[in-house]
Amino acid sequence: MNWLILVTLTFGDSFFVFNKEFEHENACVEYVNSPDNFDTLAIEVIAVAGFNDPIVDISCVTRRDG
C-alpha cells in the first residue's frame, strides 16, 4: 500500500504532496513529524497554496488508484 501526504487548507482545496510517496504509514508519519523536513514541506505548501491560506491539517493517507 502506498501512502501520500494530504494537506488540508482553511480556504483552498486540499492537495497531495505528490513528489513524496511512502510504502508504510509509519514512514510517512515520521517524515511529516521530523523537523528535518519542515523546510521541504513548507516549500511544497507555499508553492501550491501561497502564504495566506492557513493549514488545517497534514495527514498521511493511502493512495487509491482509479
N, C-alpha and C. Protein backbone atom coordinates (compact mmCIF):
# COMPACT_ATOMS: atom_id res chain seq x y z
N MET A 1 0.85 -1.17 0.00
CA MET A 1 0.00 0.00 0.00
C MET A 1 0.90 1.24 0.00
N ASN A 2 0.53 2.22 -0.79
CA ASN A 2 1.29 3.47 -0.85
C ASN A 2 0.59 4.56 -0.06
N TRP A 3 1.40 5.36 0.62
CA TRP A 3 0.89 6.45 1.46
C TRP A 3 1.36 7.78 0.90
N LEU A 4 0.48 8.78 0.93
CA LEU A 4 0.77 10.12 0.46
C LEU A 4 0.48 11.13 1.57
N ILE A 5 1.06 12.30 1.42
CA ILE A 5 0.81 13.39 2.36
C ILE A 5 -0.34 14.24 1.82
N LEU A 6 -1.39 14.41 2.62
CA LEU A 6 -2.54 15.23 2.28
C LEU A 6 -2.51 16.50 3.12
N VAL A 7 -2.57 17.65 2.46
CA VAL A 7 -2.57 18.95 3.15
C VAL A 7 -3.98 19.54 3.02
N THR A 8 -4.60 19.85 4.15
CA THR A 8 -5.93 20.45 4.18
C THR A 8 -5.80 21.92 4.58
N LEU A 9 -6.43 22.79 3.80
CA LEU A 9 -6.33 24.23 3.99
C LEU A 9 -7.64 24.81 4.50
N THR A 10 -7.56 25.99 5.09
CA THR A 10 -8.75 26.65 5.61
C THR A 10 -9.68 27.08 4.48
N PHE A 11 -9.16 27.70 3.44
CA PHE A 11 -9.99 28.26 2.38
C PHE A 11 -9.85 27.53 1.05
N GLY A 12 -8.67 27.08 0.72
CA GLY A 12 -8.43 26.45 -0.57
C GLY A 12 -8.74 24.96 -0.56
N ASP A 13 -8.60 24.36 -1.73
CA ASP A 13 -8.81 22.92 -1.87
C ASP A 13 -7.65 22.15 -1.25
N SER A 14 -7.97 21.02 -0.67
CA SER A 14 -6.93 20.12 -0.16
C SER A 14 -6.09 19.62 -1.32
N PHE A 15 -4.84 19.27 -1.04
CA PHE A 15 -3.98 18.75 -2.10
C PHE A 15 -2.99 17.74 -1.54
N PHE A 16 -2.49 16.90 -2.46
CA PHE A 16 -1.49 15.90 -2.12
C PHE A 16 -0.10 16.41 -2.46
N VAL A 17 0.88 16.04 -1.66
CA VAL A 17 2.28 16.27 -1.98
C VAL A 17 2.72 15.06 -2.78
N PHE A 18 2.67 15.18 -4.12
CA PHE A 18 2.86 14.02 -4.99
C PHE A 18 4.31 13.59 -5.15
N ASN A 19 5.25 14.45 -4.83
CA ASN A 19 6.66 14.06 -5.04
C ASN A 19 7.20 13.19 -3.90
N LYS A 20 6.37 12.93 -2.88
CA LYS A 20 6.77 12.03 -1.79
C LYS A 20 5.72 10.94 -1.66
N GLU A 21 6.16 9.69 -1.70
CA GLU A 21 5.27 8.55 -1.53
C GLU A 21 5.97 7.55 -0.62
N PHE A 22 5.20 6.90 0.22
CA PHE A 22 5.78 6.02 1.24
C PHE A 22 5.11 4.64 1.17
N GLU A 23 5.86 3.60 1.47
CA GLU A 23 5.32 2.24 1.47
C GLU A 23 4.58 1.92 2.75
N HIS A 24 4.91 2.62 3.84
CA HIS A 24 4.30 2.33 5.14
C HIS A 24 3.83 3.62 5.80
N GLU A 25 2.74 3.51 6.55
CA GLU A 25 2.19 4.67 7.23
C GLU A 25 3.21 5.28 8.20
N ASN A 26 3.92 4.44 8.94
CA ASN A 26 4.90 4.94 9.91
C ASN A 26 5.97 5.80 9.26
N ALA A 27 6.42 5.41 8.07
CA ALA A 27 7.44 6.18 7.37
C ALA A 27 6.91 7.56 6.99
N CYS A 28 5.65 7.61 6.57
CA CYS A 28 5.01 8.88 6.22
C CYS A 28 4.87 9.77 7.45
N VAL A 29 4.37 9.21 8.54
CA VAL A 29 4.17 9.98 9.77
C VAL A 29 5.51 10.49 10.30
N GLU A 30 6.54 9.66 10.27
CA GLU A 30 7.86 10.09 10.73
C GLU A 30 8.39 11.23 9.87
N TYR A 31 8.18 11.15 8.56
CA TYR A 31 8.63 12.21 7.65
C TYR A 31 7.93 13.53 7.98
N VAL A 32 6.61 13.48 8.13
CA VAL A 32 5.83 14.69 8.41
C VAL A 32 6.21 15.30 9.76
N ASN A 33 6.51 14.48 10.74
CA ASN A 33 6.81 14.96 12.09
C ASN A 33 8.27 15.33 12.32
N SER A 34 9.14 15.01 11.39
CA SER A 34 10.56 15.29 11.57
C SER A 34 10.89 16.75 11.27
N PRO A 35 11.50 17.45 12.22
CA PRO A 35 11.90 18.84 11.98
C PRO A 35 12.85 18.99 10.78
N ASP A 36 13.56 17.94 10.43
CA ASP A 36 14.46 17.99 9.28
C ASP A 36 13.71 18.22 7.97
N ASN A 37 12.41 17.90 7.95
CA ASN A 37 11.62 18.00 6.72
C ASN A 37 10.68 19.21 6.70
N PHE A 38 10.66 19.99 7.75
CA PHE A 38 9.74 21.13 7.83
C PHE A 38 9.96 22.11 6.68
N ASP A 39 11.22 22.40 6.34
CA ASP A 39 11.50 23.34 5.25
C ASP A 39 10.96 22.82 3.93
N THR A 40 11.17 21.54 3.66
CA THR A 40 10.71 20.94 2.41
C THR A 40 9.19 20.98 2.33
N LEU A 41 8.52 20.63 3.42
CA LEU A 41 7.05 20.67 3.42
C LEU A 41 6.55 22.10 3.26
N ALA A 42 7.20 23.05 3.90
CA ALA A 42 6.79 24.45 3.78
C ALA A 42 6.90 24.93 2.34
N ILE A 43 7.96 24.56 1.66
CA ILE A 43 8.14 24.95 0.25
C ILE A 43 7.03 24.35 -0.61
N GLU A 44 6.71 23.09 -0.37
CA GLU A 44 5.63 22.43 -1.13
C GLU A 44 4.29 23.14 -0.91
N VAL A 45 3.99 23.45 0.33
CA VAL A 45 2.71 24.10 0.66
C VAL A 45 2.65 25.51 0.05
N ILE A 46 3.72 26.27 0.20
CA ILE A 46 3.75 27.64 -0.34
C ILE A 46 3.63 27.62 -1.86
N ALA A 47 4.25 26.65 -2.51
CA ALA A 47 4.18 26.56 -3.97
C ALA A 47 2.75 26.34 -4.46
N VAL A 48 1.96 25.62 -3.69
CA VAL A 48 0.58 25.32 -4.09
C VAL A 48 -0.40 26.35 -3.53
N ALA A 49 -0.28 26.67 -2.26
CA ALA A 49 -1.31 27.45 -1.58
C ALA A 49 -0.93 28.91 -1.33
N GLY A 50 0.32 29.25 -1.48
CA GLY A 50 0.74 30.61 -1.18
C GLY A 50 0.92 30.81 0.32
N PHE A 51 0.96 32.07 0.73
CA PHE A 51 1.24 32.40 2.12
C PHE A 51 0.00 32.68 2.96
N ASN A 52 -1.15 32.90 2.33
CA ASN A 52 -2.30 33.44 3.05
C ASN A 52 -3.38 32.43 3.39
N ASP A 53 -3.20 31.15 3.11
CA ASP A 53 -4.22 30.15 3.40
C ASP A 53 -3.72 29.23 4.51
N PRO A 54 -4.22 29.41 5.72
CA PRO A 54 -3.74 28.60 6.84
C PRO A 54 -3.98 27.11 6.64
N ILE A 55 -3.05 26.32 7.14
CA ILE A 55 -3.16 24.86 7.09
C ILE A 55 -4.02 24.40 8.25
N VAL A 56 -4.98 23.53 7.95
CA VAL A 56 -5.84 22.94 8.97
C VAL A 56 -5.24 21.63 9.45
N ASP A 57 -4.68 20.85 8.51
CA ASP A 57 -4.19 19.51 8.84
C ASP A 57 -3.20 19.03 7.80
N ILE A 58 -2.25 18.25 8.23
CA ILE A 58 -1.37 17.48 7.35
C ILE A 58 -1.49 16.03 7.78
N SER A 59 -1.93 15.18 6.85
CA SER A 59 -2.22 13.78 7.17
C SER A 59 -1.51 12.85 6.20
N CYS A 60 -1.33 11.62 6.65
CA CYS A 60 -0.85 10.56 5.77
C CYS A 60 -2.05 9.68 5.43
N VAL A 61 -2.31 9.54 4.13
CA VAL A 61 -3.47 8.77 3.68
C VAL A 61 -3.03 7.76 2.62
N THR A 62 -3.82 6.71 2.45
CA THR A 62 -3.49 5.70 1.45
C THR A 62 -3.86 6.20 0.07
N ARG A 63 -3.08 5.79 -0.89
CA ARG A 63 -3.33 6.15 -2.28
C ARG A 63 -4.32 5.16 -2.88
N ARG A 64 -5.33 5.70 -3.53
CA ARG A 64 -6.33 4.86 -4.20
C ARG A 64 -6.23 5.12 -5.69
N ASP A 65 -5.94 4.08 -6.44
CA ASP A 65 -5.87 4.22 -7.89
C ASP A 65 -7.28 4.17 -8.47
N GLY A 66 -7.49 5.00 -9.50
CA GLY A 66 -8.78 4.95 -10.19
C GLY A 66 -9.55 6.12 -10.02
